[in-house]
Every structure is written in C-alpha cells, then in structure tokens.
Amino acid sequence: MCKHTLPEWHAAINSHKRNFIAKKGEEIIKEGDAVTGVYFVTSGNVKVHKQWGDKELILRFANSGAIIGHRGISSNHSAYPISATALETTSLCFVDIDFFKSTIRVNHDFAYALLMFYADELQASEKKMRDLALMSVKGRLAVAILSLRDQFGLNDNGFLNLTISRQDLAAFTGATYETVFRTMNELLAEKLIHVQDKMIGILDEAKLLDLSNR
C-alpha cells in the first residue's frame, strides 16, 4: 500500500495502521466473521483457507508483502469468505476497512495496482478450479510443489523455503490426506522429489512440469 500511494498519504497510513504478532496456529481471520479491515504480512507465512463441505481447502499461502482479508470487500455482503491462519510466528499490519476504502478512492495508482492484483488472483482461482475438476491428483500435486517453489524459493539444501504438513499439502491440492500420502510415495519412488522431515525438495523439475501440463 505504501509503495503505490501518494507520499503525502503515508502519514495517514502510519496513524491508522496497527502492527501485531500472530503465533503459530493462531487464527487471524475467521470465515463468516464481519469484515473489519485488511491485513498485510510483513514477515512469516499464512495459509488462506475455507471450508469445502466437511473439508478444508487451502486457496493460497501468503508470505511477506502479501495482503489478506481483501476478499471481504464487497458491495453485497460484509463477511469474510475465507479464514487465515498463521503457519509460524508472523508479523502483520492491520488497516481498518473504512480507511482502506478511502485510500483506494484517493490514490489512483494504488487502485490500479489493486485492480491488477484482483485480476491475477481471479485467473489463478479459475485455473485452480479447472485443475480440481480435470487434473489427476498426481498432476495437482506437481502443480502445488512447483507453485510453492516459485513463491517461496529453495533453501541452501534445495528444499522448499516452507515447512508444510501433509495435511496442509492435501488441503492445498484438493485431495484427501491418504491420497496425497500415496501420491507422494509415487513421486518419491520415481525420484521426482525427495523429502526430509516436512521439507520437500525437487529432483526432476522437467518431469514435474510434464505432470503439471497434462
């Protein structure tokens, strides 16, 4: 928000924002609660998720610089359609909804950047729904691993810079824990990935890309 707003607006942002820390496992936003504002992640990792019948579906992961809670902005209702939970100790900046809307009205560059962000997110959501409907679990798992690599990068040992549980990986893939566990073993046997504790490393990117394009 600071990057795309007028310099003279920064003092107003500083007077309205509220910084706080969320502990690992702490719920930052609860699906169905009234919208009070939006959150910016300044450090740490957050999962953005919602109930899908009796299962949890992880829509995306938010790391440093990401915005969460923006899906609650609507002219038709004022409830958050998603939940957000800290995956580790996470620093956040909260801006109340009235001030956030005022910032959009006053700062045209920010409004344009937000519009482009919504467009990109819509495209990603539509692709995810298409993958859920048409792609095999193996293909969806390959997509998930590659997208997490693109977002979080790799550490010095070649593993994803995100420690993710099998349960969360299943929720992100849109499959059951048992199916993801079995499919992970297939990828391990085929030497496409390797695993250490909860860390995942990529051994054969080309074959994962091939699976993700089927």
Foldseek 3Di string as FASTA:
>chain_A
DCVQFDPVCVVVVVVFKDKDKAAAFRKPFDFFAFAFWKKAWQAAKKWKWADDPPAIATLDMDGHGDMPSPCQDDPPGGTRRIIMGTNHITMMMTGTPVVVVVRLVVGVRVVVVVVVVVVVSVVSNVVLVVCLVPADLLLLLLVLLVVQCVVQNADPVQWRPDQDDLSNSCSHSVHHSVVSVVSVVVCVVVVQWDDDDRIIGGRNNPVSVVSNVD
